[in-house]
Amino acid sequence: MKARSREALAGYGFILPNFAGFMAFTLLPVVASLLLSFYQWDLLSWPPKFVGLGNYADLVRDEHFWQYCWNTVFMMIGIPISMFGSLLLAVVMNQKLPGMTFLKTVYFLPSITSGIAIYVLWAWIYNPEFGLMNWLLAQCGVEGPRWLESTTWSKPALVIMGIWGSMGGIDLVLYLAALQGIDPQLYEAAEMDGAGAWHRFWKITWPMVSPTTFFILIMGIIGGFQGGFDSAYIMTHGGPAGSTTTVSYYIYNNAYEWLHMGYAAAIAWFLFLVILIVTLINWFFSQRLVHYE
């Protein structure tokens, strides 16, 4: 065997485990879910019943599904707030001040702490009888609501918790890296020209971190459409009255609670199309808003 052939064979051998894993755990399940979306199947009977586009037609007429879509979009209002907060924290932590290393560790802790522990902690904070949130409001003379038991306040409660958990996480690290890549001479020149702190931020910092902002926004939107299951499952079980049930939670219920596997697959593919369209729209507009130099 020639040396060139041996090198090619060795290369194929190196990529074979990754390729096999991709086929077994990614590509084949994705293709299977697409095929399954055209069937009715409860995991117990065989063979599955072919219904064509019936699952998708039921999806369009499903009032609960559209309610849960609204819940999912509502939960995403925390994304821009969290991004802005992460950027402000990054600007502060990028200064050479004492104690910054400790603060970076403290702010990053929610990202490495067990999610279940975080949700249990916040469920206690939101407790209407002895929770910290209502106690703080009472000190200001405000009667706090029954956060997780109210159809009005349950979604804002989860949004507040999400903002708290994400401001000091990966987004903060990415913004810190972007800020440290900005040439300090740009700030020196702007300061010599009489630019104030706000003008330096708006004219230098914001454009220079725009690629990072675009990346965080895209990943935040994708995660927002796919997320919301863990917190709702632990804290509210999707209630009250479905007010915290998201699309991902609805997929879980259909697949593993009600055994409507075909319908769950149809919802998942609808969600994929929505994420794809939104991502393409963001990508189109990013050409005008993102500056790489």
C-alpha atoms as a PDB file:
ATOM      1  CA  MET A   1       0.000   0.000   0.000  1.00  0.00           C
ATOM      2  CA  LYS A   2       1.322   3.390  -0.967  1.00  0.00           C
ATOM      3  CA  ALA A   3       2.190   5.956   1.695  1.00  0.00           C
ATOM      4  CA  ARG A   4      -0.493   8.317   0.368  1.00  0.00           C
ATOM      5  CA  SER A   5      -3.141   5.609   0.699  1.00  0.00           C
ATOM      6  CA  ARG A   6      -1.987   4.736   4.223  1.00  0.00           C
ATOM      7  CA  GLU A   7      -2.246   8.395   5.230  1.00  0.00           C
ATOM      8  CA  ALA A   8      -5.765   8.642   3.773  1.00  0.00           C
ATOM      9  CA  LEU A   9      -6.807   5.436   5.538  1.00  0.00           C
ATOM     10  CA  ALA A  10      -5.419   6.713   8.833  1.00  0.00           C
ATOM     11  CA  GLY A  11      -7.302   9.981   8.373  1.00  0.00           C
ATOM     12  CA  TYR A  12     -10.557   8.143   7.722  1.00  0.00           C
ATOM     13  CA  GLY A  13      -9.894   6.074  10.832  1.00  0.00           C
ATOM     14  CA  PHE A  14      -9.542   9.212  12.943  1.00  0.00           C
ATOM     15  CA  ILE A  15     -12.796  10.754  11.727  1.00  0.00           C
ATOM     16  CA  LEU A  16     -14.772   7.491  11.799  1.00  0.00           C
ATOM     17  CA  PRO A  17     -15.751   7.650  15.513  1.00  0.00           C
ATOM     18  CA  ASN A  18     -16.982  11.227  15.171  1.00  0.00           C
ATOM     19  CA  PHE A  19     -18.810  10.445  11.939  1.00  0.00           C
ATOM     20  CA  ALA A  20     -20.426   7.354  13.456  1.00  0.00           C
ATOM     21  CA  GLY A  21     -21.504   9.346  16.502  1.00  0.00           C
ATOM     22  CA  PHE A  22     -22.942  12.089  14.284  1.00  0.00           C
ATOM     23  CA  MET A  23     -24.886   9.534  12.218  1.00  0.00           C
ATOM     24  CA  ALA A  24     -26.199   7.607  15.231  1.00  0.00           C
ATOM     25  CA  PHE A  25     -27.043  10.459  17.576  1.00  0.00           C
ATOM     26  CA  THR A  26     -27.753  13.441  15.294  1.00  0.00           C
ATOM     27  CA  LEU A  27     -28.516  12.771  11.633  1.00  0.00           C
ATOM     28  CA  LEU A  28     -30.590   9.602  11.970  1.00  0.00           C
ATOM     29  CA  PRO A  29     -32.729  10.937  14.867  1.00  0.00           C
ATOM     30  CA  VAL A  30     -33.356  14.162  12.931  1.00  0.00           C
ATOM     31  CA  VAL A  31     -34.445  12.258   9.823  1.00  0.00           C
ATOM     32  CA  ALA A  32     -36.539   9.888  11.963  1.00  0.00           C
ATOM     33  CA  SER A  33     -38.297  12.827  13.657  1.00  0.00           C
ATOM     34  CA  LEU A  34     -39.129  14.328  10.257  1.00  0.00           C
ATOM     35  CA  LEU A  35     -40.657  11.041   9.091  1.00  0.00           C
ATOM     36  CA  LEU A  36     -42.434  10.602  12.418  1.00  0.00           C
ATOM     37  CA  SER A  37     -44.140  13.986  12.040  1.00  0.00           C
ATOM     38  CA  PHE A  38     -46.258  12.432   9.263  1.00  0.00           C
ATOM     39  CA  TYR A  39     -47.497   9.615  11.503  1.00  0.00           C
ATOM     40  CA  GLN A  40     -49.564   9.017  14.608  1.00  0.00           C
ATOM     41  CA  TRP A  41     -47.739   6.837  17.093  1.00  0.00           C
ATOM     42  CA  ASP A  42     -48.080   6.253  20.830  1.00  0.00           C
ATOM     43  CA  LEU A  43     -44.823   4.258  21.336  1.00  0.00           C
ATOM     44  CA  LEU A  44     -46.864   1.166  22.204  1.00  0.00           C
ATOM     45  CA  SER A  45     -48.767   0.203  19.051  1.00  0.00           C
ATOM     46  CA  TRP A  46     -47.193  -0.954  15.790  1.00  0.00           C
ATOM     47  CA  PRO A  47     -47.083   0.034  13.008  1.00  0.00           C
ATOM     48  CA  PRO A  48     -47.499   3.829  13.265  1.00  0.00           C
ATOM     49  CA  LYS A  49     -50.510   5.231  11.419  1.00  0.00           C
ATOM     50  CA  PHE A  50     -49.678   7.454   8.443  1.00  0.00           C
ATOM     51  CA  VAL A  51     -51.633  10.745   8.544  1.00  0.00           C
ATOM     52  CA  GLY A  52     -49.680  12.848   6.038  1.00  0.00           C
ATOM     53  CA  LEU A  53     -49.930  16.528   6.949  1.00  0.00           C
ATOM     54  CA  GLY A  54     -52.601  15.839   9.543  1.00  0.00           C
ATOM     55  CA  ASN A  55     -50.334  16.667  12.481  1.00  0.00           C
ATOM     56  CA  TYR A  56     -49.401  19.992  10.931  1.00  0.00           C
ATOM     57  CA  ALA A  57     -53.052  20.786  10.208  1.00  0.00           C
ATOM     58  CA  ASP A  58     -53.915  20.023  13.847  1.00  0.00           C
ATOM     59  CA  LEU A  59     -51.050  22.256  14.892  1.00  0.00           C
ATOM     60  CA  VAL A  60     -52.487  25.252  13.062  1.00  0.00           C
ATOM     61  CA  ARG A  61     -55.858  24.740  14.761  1.00  0.00           C
ATOM     62  CA  ASP A  62     -54.400  24.088  18.218  1.00  0.00           C
ATOM     63  CA  GLU A  63     -55.242  27.089  20.433  1.00  0.00           C
ATOM     64  CA  HIS A  64     -53.040  25.797  23.233  1.00  0.00           C
ATOM     65  CA  PHE A  65     -50.053  25.682  20.895  1.00  0.00           C
ATOM     66  CA  TRP A  66     -50.421  29.350  19.954  1.00  0.00           C
ATOM     67  CA  GLN A  67     -50.801  30.282  23.614  1.00  0.00           C
ATOM     68  CA  TYR A  68     -47.554  28.470  24.365  1.00  0.00           C
ATOM     69  CA  CYS A  69     -45.887  30.188  21.421  1.00  0.00           C
ATOM     70  CA  TRP A  70     -46.835  33.522  22.990  1.00  0.00           C
ATOM     71  CA  ASN A  71     -45.468  32.336  26.332  1.00  0.00           C
ATOM     72  CA  THR A  72     -42.181  31.445  24.647  1.00  0.00           C
ATOM     73  CA  VAL A  73     -41.878  34.831  22.923  1.00  0.00           C
ATOM     74  CA  PHE A  74     -42.778  36.643  26.151  1.00  0.00           C
ATOM     75  CA  MET A  75     -40.012  34.830  28.014  1.00  0.00           C
ATOM     76  CA  MET A  76     -37.537  36.155  25.441  1.00  0.00           C
ATOM     77  CA  ILE A  77     -38.048  39.811  26.399  1.00  0.00           C
ATOM     78  CA  GLY A  78     -35.299  39.273  28.928  1.00  0.00           C
ATOM     79  CA  ILE A  79     -32.710  38.655  26.185  1.00  0.00           C
ATOM     80  CA  PRO A  80     -31.963  42.328  25.278  1.00  0.00           C
ATOM     81  CA  ILE A  81     -32.108  43.345  28.957  1.00  0.00           C
ATOM     82  CA  SER A  82     -29.650  40.605  29.874  1.00  0.00           C
ATOM     83  CA  MET A  83     -27.350  41.491  26.968  1.00  0.00           C
ATOM     84  CA  PHE A  84     -27.271  45.164  27.927  1.00  0.00           C
ATOM     85  CA  GLY A  85     -26.619  44.280  31.562  1.00  0.00           C
ATOM     86  CA  SER A  86     -23.798  41.916  30.551  1.00  0.00           C
ATOM     87  CA  LEU A  87     -22.183  44.631  28.462  1.00  0.00           C
ATOM     88  CA  LEU A  88     -22.362  47.180  31.292  1.00  0.00           C
ATOM     89  CA  LEU A  89     -20.880  44.668  33.730  1.00  0.00           C
ATOM     90  CA  ALA A  90     -18.141  43.853  31.242  1.00  0.00           C
ATOM     91  CA  VAL A  91     -17.299  47.560  30.814  1.00  0.00           C
ATOM     92  CA  VAL A  92     -16.992  47.949  34.593  1.00  0.00           C
ATOM     93  CA  MET A  93     -14.975  44.749  35.040  1.00  0.00           C
ATOM     94  CA  ASN A  94     -12.654  45.673  32.201  1.00  0.00           C
ATOM     95  CA  GLN A  95     -11.300  48.478  34.382  1.00  0.00           C
ATOM     96  CA  LYS A  96      -8.152  47.820  36.400  1.00  0.00           C
ATOM     97  CA  LEU A  97      -9.762  48.041  39.816  1.00  0.00           C
ATOM     98  CA  PRO A  98      -9.120  45.955  42.927  1.00  0.00           C
ATOM     99  CA  GLY A  99     -11.344  42.945  43.485  1.00  0.00           C
ATOM    100  CA  MET A 100     -12.346  42.445  39.839  1.00  0.00           C
ATOM    101  CA  THR A 101     -11.192  38.812  39.766  1.00  0.00           C
ATOM    102  CA  PHE A 102     -13.367  38.011  42.771  1.00  0.00           C
ATOM    103  CA  LEU A 103     -16.377  39.776  41.228  1.00  0.00           C
ATOM    104  CA  LYS A 104     -15.929  37.903  37.941  1.00  0.00           C
ATOM    105  CA  THR A 105     -16.052  34.639  39.886  1.00  0.00           C
ATOM    106  CA  VAL A 106     -19.146  35.697  41.824  1.00  0.00           C
ATOM    107  CA  TYR A 107     -21.045  36.800  38.722  1.00  0.00           C
ATOM    108  CA  PHE A 108     -20.182  33.587  36.885  1.00  0.00           C
ATOM    109  CA  LEU A 109     -21.345  31.295  39.700  1.00  0.00           C
ATOM    110  CA  PRO A 110     -24.978  30.967  38.454  1.00  0.00           C
ATOM    111  CA  SER A 111     -23.663  29.537  35.180  1.00  0.00           C
ATOM    112  CA  ILE A 112     -21.854  26.651  36.881  1.00  0.00           C
ATOM    113  CA  THR A 113     -24.346  26.014  39.684  1.00  0.00           C
ATOM    114  CA  SER A 114     -26.841  23.178  39.325  1.00  0.00           C
ATOM    115  CA  GLY A 115     -29.946  24.410  37.538  1.00  0.00           C
ATOM    116  CA  ILE A 116     -32.270  22.531  39.885  1.00  0.00           C
ATOM    117  CA  ALA A 117     -30.669  24.201  42.901  1.00  0.00           C
ATOM    118  CA  ILE A 118     -31.140  27.610  41.275  1.00  0.00           C
ATOM    119  CA  TYR A 119     -34.805  26.934  40.525  1.00  0.00           C
ATOM    120  CA  VAL A 120     -35.504  25.679  44.045  1.00  0.00           C
ATOM    121  CA  LEU A 121     -33.781  28.766  45.466  1.00  0.00           C
ATOM    122  CA  TRP A 122     -35.862  31.110  43.321  1.00  0.00           C
ATOM    123  CA  ALA A 123     -39.053  29.242  44.137  1.00  0.00           C
ATOM    124  CA  TRP A 124     -38.269  30.064  47.785  1.00  0.00           C
ATOM    125  CA  ILE A 125     -37.503  33.683  46.905  1.00  0.00           C
ATOM    126  CA  TYR A 126     -40.887  33.969  45.173  1.00  0.00           C
ATOM    127  CA  ASN A 127     -42.805  32.281  47.993  1.00  0.00           C
ATOM    128  CA  PRO A 128     -45.744  34.632  48.755  1.00  0.00           C
ATOM    129  CA  GLU A 129     -45.698  33.916  52.494  1.00  0.00           C
ATOM    130  CA  PHE A 130     -42.036  34.048  53.524  1.00  0.00           C
ATOM    131  CA  GLY A 131     -40.087  34.685  50.303  1.00  0.00           C
ATOM    132  CA  LEU A 132     -37.342  37.289  50.055  1.00  0.00           C
ATOM    133  CA  MET A 133     -38.926  39.102  47.101  1.00  0.00           C
ATOM    134  CA  ASN A 134     -42.194  39.916  48.853  1.00  0.00           C
ATOM    135  CA  TRP A 135     -40.321  40.754  52.062  1.00  0.00           C
ATOM    136  CA  LEU A 136     -38.267  43.375  50.182  1.00  0.00           C
ATOM    137  CA  LEU A 137     -41.432  44.771  48.593  1.00  0.00           C
ATOM    138  CA  ALA A 138     -43.094  44.917  52.011  1.00  0.00           C
ATOM    139  CA  GLN A 139     -40.203  47.047  53.307  1.00  0.00           C
ATOM    140  CA  CYS A 140     -41.135  49.555  50.606  1.00  0.00           C
ATOM    141  CA  GLY A 141     -44.817  49.465  51.530  1.00  0.00           C
ATOM    142  CA  VAL A 142     -45.811  47.326  48.528  1.00  0.00           C
ATOM    143  CA  GLU A 143     -47.831  44.142  48.844  1.00  0.00           C
ATOM    144  CA  GLY A 144     -46.151  41.524  46.697  1.00  0.00           C
ATOM    145  CA  PRO A 145     -48.148  39.242  44.391  1.00  0.00           C
ATOM    146  CA  ARG A 146     -48.335  35.467  44.516  1.00  0.00           C
ATOM    147  CA  TRP A 147     -45.624  35.240  41.886  1.00  0.00           C
ATOM    148  CA  LEU A 148     -45.674  31.643  40.702  1.00  0.00           C
ATOM    149  CA  GLU A 149     -49.381  31.155  41.413  1.00  0.00           C
ATOM    150  CA  SER A 150     -50.568  34.072  39.281  1.00  0.00           C
ATOM    151  CA  THR A 151     -51.208  33.921  35.536  1.00  0.00           C
ATOM    152  CA  THR A 152     -50.177  37.589  35.404  1.00  0.00           C
ATOM    153  CA  TRP A 153     -46.906  37.393  37.350  1.00  0.00           C
ATOM    154  CA  SER A 154     -45.618  33.885  36.696  1.00  0.00           C
ATOM    155  CA  LYS A 155     -43.996  34.717  33.351  1.00  0.00           C
ATOM    156  CA  PRO A 156     -42.363  37.971  34.574  1.00  0.00           C
ATOM    157  CA  ALA A 157     -41.060  36.022  37.567  1.00  0.00           C
ATOM    158  CA  LEU A 158     -39.282  33.525  35.315  1.00  0.00           C
ATOM    159  CA  VAL A 159     -37.977  36.368  33.121  1.00  0.00           C
ATOM    160  CA  ILE A 160     -36.460  38.126  36.150  1.00  0.00           C
ATOM    161  CA  MET A 161     -34.806  34.902  37.231  1.00  0.00           C
ATOM    162  CA  GLY A 162     -33.446  34.349  33.713  1.00  0.00           C
ATOM    163  CA  ILE A 163     -31.943  37.839  33.575  1.00  0.00           C
ATOM    164  CA  TRP A 164     -30.264  37.304  36.945  1.00  0.00           C
ATOM    165  CA  GLY A 165     -28.788  34.001  35.803  1.00  0.00           C
ATOM    166  CA  SER A 166     -27.512  35.095  32.387  1.00  0.00           C
ATOM    167  CA  MET A 167     -26.107  38.581  32.970  1.00  0.00           C
ATOM    168  CA  GLY A 168     -22.943  37.320  34.604  1.00  0.00           C
ATOM    169  CA  GLY A 169     -22.517  34.154  32.557  1.00  0.00           C
ATOM    170  CA  ILE A 170     -21.073  33.342  29.157  1.00  0.00           C
ATOM    171  CA  ASP A 171     -22.303  36.652  27.691  1.00  0.00           C
ATOM    172  CA  LEU A 172     -20.204  38.570  30.208  1.00  0.00           C
ATOM    173  CA  VAL A 173     -17.124  36.507  29.341  1.00  0.00           C
ATOM    174  CA  LEU A 174     -17.637  37.101  25.611  1.00  0.00           C
ATOM    175  CA  TYR A 175     -18.064  40.841  26.096  1.00  0.00           C
ATOM    176  CA  LEU A 176     -14.947  40.989  28.289  1.00  0.00           C
ATOM    177  CA  ALA A 177     -12.961  39.263  25.551  1.00  0.00           C
ATOM    178  CA  ALA A 178     -14.342  41.685  22.942  1.00  0.00           C
ATOM    179  CA  LEU A 179     -13.521  44.736  25.079  1.00  0.00           C
ATOM    180  CA  GLN A 180      -9.970  43.572  25.669  1.00  0.00           C
ATOM    181  CA  GLY A 181      -9.507  43.307  21.922  1.00  0.00           C
ATOM    182  CA  ILE A 182     -10.244  47.024  21.356  1.00  0.00           C
ATOM    183  CA  ASP A 183      -7.149  49.155  20.713  1.00  0.00           C
ATOM    184  CA  PRO A 184      -6.704  51.528  23.723  1.00  0.00           C
ATOM    185  CA  GLN A 185      -5.372  54.182  21.345  1.00  0.00           C
ATOM    186  CA  LEU A 186      -8.900  54.658  20.017  1.00  0.00           C
ATOM    187  CA  TYR A 187     -10.082  55.771  23.458  1.00  0.00           C
ATOM    188  CA  GLU A 188      -7.013  57.966  23.956  1.00  0.00           C
ATOM    189  CA  ALA A 189      -7.567  59.723  20.631  1.00  0.00           C
ATOM    190  CA  ALA A 190     -11.275  60.230  21.361  1.00  0.00           C
ATOM    191  CA  GLU A 191     -10.511  61.617  24.821  1.00  0.00           C
ATOM    192  CA  MET A 192      -7.975  64.034  23.362  1.00  0.00           C
ATOM    193  CA  ASP A 193     -10.677  65.223  20.952  1.00  0.00           C
ATOM    194  CA  GLY A 194     -12.946  65.992  23.921  1.00  0.00           C
ATOM    195  CA  ALA A 195     -15.276  62.992  23.689  1.00  0.00           C
ATOM    196  CA  GLY A 196     -17.028  62.172  26.952  1.00  0.00           C
ATOM    197  CA  ALA A 197     -17.600  58.731  28.442  1.00  0.00           C
ATOM    198  CA  TRP A 198     -20.965  58.287  26.707  1.00  0.00           C
ATOM    199  CA  HIS A 199     -19.619  59.299  23.290  1.00  0.00           C
ATOM    200  CA  ARG A 200     -16.636  56.975  23.687  1.00  0.00           C
ATOM    201  CA  PHE A 201     -18.999  54.130  24.545  1.00  0.00           C
ATOM    202  CA  TRP A 202     -21.438  54.848  21.707  1.00  0.00           C
ATOM    203  CA  LYS A 203     -18.880  55.630  18.989  1.00  0.00           C
ATOM    204  CA  ILE A 204     -16.119  53.167  19.890  1.00  0.00           C
ATOM    205  CA  THR A 205     -17.199  50.445  22.314  1.00  0.00           C
ATOM    206  CA  TRP A 206     -20.603  49.675  20.840  1.00  0.00           C
ATOM    207  CA  PRO A 207     -19.471  49.358  17.191  1.00  0.00           C
ATOM    208  CA  MET A 208     -16.358  47.370  18.128  1.00  0.00           C
ATOM    209  CA  VAL A 209     -18.318  44.792  20.126  1.00  0.00           C
ATOM    210  CA  SER A 210     -21.106  44.535  17.540  1.00  0.00           C
ATOM    211  CA  PRO A 211     -19.887  41.141  16.183  1.00  0.00           C
ATOM    212  CA  THR A 212     -20.053  39.753  19.717  1.00  0.00           C
ATOM    213  CA  THR A 213     -23.460  41.353  20.242  1.00  0.00           C
ATOM    214  CA  PHE A 214     -24.729  39.775  17.034  1.00  0.00           C
ATOM    215  CA  PHE A 215     -23.457  36.342  18.068  1.00  0.00           C
ATOM    216  CA  ILE A 216     -24.983  36.610  21.554  1.00  0.00           C
ATOM    217  CA  LEU A 217     -28.286  37.802  20.078  1.00  0.00           C
ATOM    218  CA  ILE A 218     -28.488  34.917  17.607  1.00  0.00           C
ATOM    219  CA  MET A 219     -27.624  32.322  20.232  1.00  0.00           C
ATOM    220  CA  GLY A 220     -29.981  33.973  22.723  1.00  0.00           C
ATOM    221  CA  ILE A 221     -32.909  33.854  20.296  1.00  0.00           C
ATOM    222  CA  ILE A 222     -32.219  30.218  19.396  1.00  0.00           C
ATOM    223  CA  GLY A 223     -31.911  29.318  23.062  1.00  0.00           C
ATOM    224  CA  GLY A 224     -35.028  31.342  23.867  1.00  0.00           C
ATOM    225  CA  PHE A 225     -37.176  29.437  21.389  1.00  0.00           C
ATOM    226  CA  GLN A 226     -35.812  26.118  22.620  1.00  0.00           C
ATOM    227  CA  GLY A 227     -35.722  26.935  26.340  1.00  0.00           C
ATOM    228  CA  GLY A 228     -38.110  27.438  29.190  1.00  0.00           C
ATOM    229  CA  PHE A 229     -38.637  23.779  29.979  1.00  0.00           C
ATOM    230  CA  ASP A 230     -36.366  23.268  32.998  1.00  0.00           C
ATOM    231  CA  SER A 231     -37.474  26.263  35.023  1.00  0.00           C
ATOM    232  CA  ALA A 232     -41.176  25.732  34.309  1.00  0.00           C
ATOM    233  CA  TYR A 233     -40.981  21.999  35.033  1.00  0.00           C
ATOM    234  CA  ILE A 234     -39.298  22.515  38.410  1.00  0.00           C
ATOM    235  CA  MET A 235     -41.016  25.710  39.573  1.00  0.00           C
ATOM    236  CA  THR A 236     -44.523  25.804  38.092  1.00  0.00           C
ATOM    237  CA  HIS A 237     -45.149  22.554  36.159  1.00  0.00           C
ATOM    238  CA  GLY A 238     -46.208  24.774  33.274  1.00  0.00           C
ATOM    239  CA  GLY A 239     -48.936  26.520  35.254  1.00  0.00           C
ATOM    240  CA  PRO A 240     -50.911  28.200  36.443  1.00  0.00           C
ATOM    241  CA  ALA A 241     -53.390  27.561  33.591  1.00  0.00           C
ATOM    242  CA  GLY A 242     -50.532  26.973  31.148  1.00  0.00           C
ATOM    243  CA  SER A 243     -49.152  30.484  31.629  1.00  0.00           C
ATOM    244  CA  THR A 244     -45.537  29.249  31.837  1.00  0.00           C
ATOM    245  CA  THR A 245     -45.778  26.357  29.384  1.00  0.00           C
ATOM    246  CA  THR A 246     -43.403  26.973  26.485  1.00  0.00           C
ATOM    247  CA  VAL A 247     -43.175  25.234  23.122  1.00  0.00           C
ATOM    248  CA  SER A 248     -40.388  22.945  24.366  1.00  0.00           C
ATOM    249  CA  TYR A 249     -42.525  22.010  27.388  1.00  0.00           C
ATOM    250  CA  TYR A 250     -45.463  21.303  25.057  1.00  0.00           C
ATOM    251  CA  ILE A 251     -43.240  19.025  22.973  1.00  0.00           C
ATOM    252  CA  TYR A 252     -42.248  17.165  26.139  1.00  0.00           C
ATOM    253  CA  ASN A 253     -45.874  16.779  27.251  1.00  0.00           C
ATOM    254  CA  ASN A 254     -47.007  15.462  23.881  1.00  0.00           C
ATOM    255  CA  ALA A 255     -44.110  13.058  23.529  1.00  0.00           C
ATOM    256  CA  TYR A 256     -43.655  11.655  27.033  1.00  0.00           C
ATOM    257  CA  GLU A 257     -46.800  12.492  28.992  1.00  0.00           C
ATOM    258  CA  TRP A 258     -49.506  11.945  26.377  1.00  0.00           C
ATOM    259  CA  LEU A 259     -47.508   9.701  23.969  1.00  0.00           C
ATOM    260  CA  HIS A 260     -48.419  11.764  20.902  1.00  0.00           C
ATOM    261  CA  MET A 261     -45.028  11.205  19.291  1.00  0.00           C
ATOM    262  CA  GLY A 262     -46.005  12.254  15.767  1.00  0.00           C
ATOM    263  CA  TYR A 263     -47.603  15.483  16.958  1.00  0.00           C
ATOM    264  CA  ALA A 264     -44.574  16.259  19.140  1.00  0.00           C
ATOM    265  CA  ALA A 265     -42.300  15.753  16.119  1.00  0.00           C
ATOM    266  CA  ALA A 266     -44.469  18.102  14.045  1.00  0.00           C
ATOM    267  CA  ILE A 267     -44.196  20.810  16.729  1.00  0.00           C
ATOM    268  CA  ALA A 268     -40.427  20.325  16.841  1.00  0.00           C
ATOM    269  CA  TRP A 269     -40.108  20.795  13.087  1.00  0.00           C
ATOM    270  CA  PHE A 270     -42.345  23.845  13.157  1.00  0.00           C
ATOM    271  CA  LEU A 271     -40.071  25.257  15.861  1.00  0.00           C
ATOM    272  CA  PHE A 272     -37.037  24.495  13.692  1.00  0.00           C
ATOM    273  CA  LEU A 273     -38.536  26.419  10.761  1.00  0.00           C
ATOM    274  CA  VAL A 274     -39.322  29.424  12.978  1.00  0.00           C
ATOM    275  CA  ILE A 275     -35.773  29.478  14.362  1.00  0.00           C
ATOM    276  CA  LEU A 276     -34.323  29.163  10.856  1.00  0.00           C
ATOM    277  CA  ILE A 277     -36.418  32.039   9.492  1.00  0.00           C
ATOM    278  CA  VAL A 278     -35.670  34.324  12.437  1.00  0.00           C
ATOM    279  CA  THR A 279     -31.946  33.538  12.192  1.00  0.00           C
ATOM    280  CA  LEU A 280     -31.892  34.309   8.456  1.00  0.00           C
ATOM    281  CA  ILE A 281     -33.676  37.626   9.073  1.00  0.00           C
ATOM    282  CA  ASN A 282     -31.156  38.545  11.766  1.00  0.00           C
ATOM    283  CA  TRP A 283     -28.301  37.539   9.487  1.00  0.00           C
ATOM    284  CA  PHE A 284     -29.659  39.759   6.706  1.00  0.00           C
ATOM    285  CA  PHE A 285     -29.943  42.849   8.897  1.00  0.00           C
ATOM    286  CA  SER A 286     -26.589  42.197  10.550  1.00  0.00           C
ATOM    287  CA  GLN A 287     -24.805  43.253   7.359  1.00  0.00           C
ATOM    288  CA  ARG A 288     -25.743  46.863   8.146  1.00  0.00           C
ATOM    289  CA  LEU A 289     -25.345  46.801  11.908  1.00  0.00           C
ATOM    290  CA  VAL A 290     -22.222  44.721  12.529  1.00  0.00           C
ATOM    291  CA  HIS A 291     -18.781  46.299  12.148  1.00  0.00           C
ATOM    292  CA  TYR A 292     -15.746  44.048  11.901  1.00  0.00           C
ATOM    293  CA  GLU A 293     -13.108  46.819  11.804  1.00  0.00           C
END
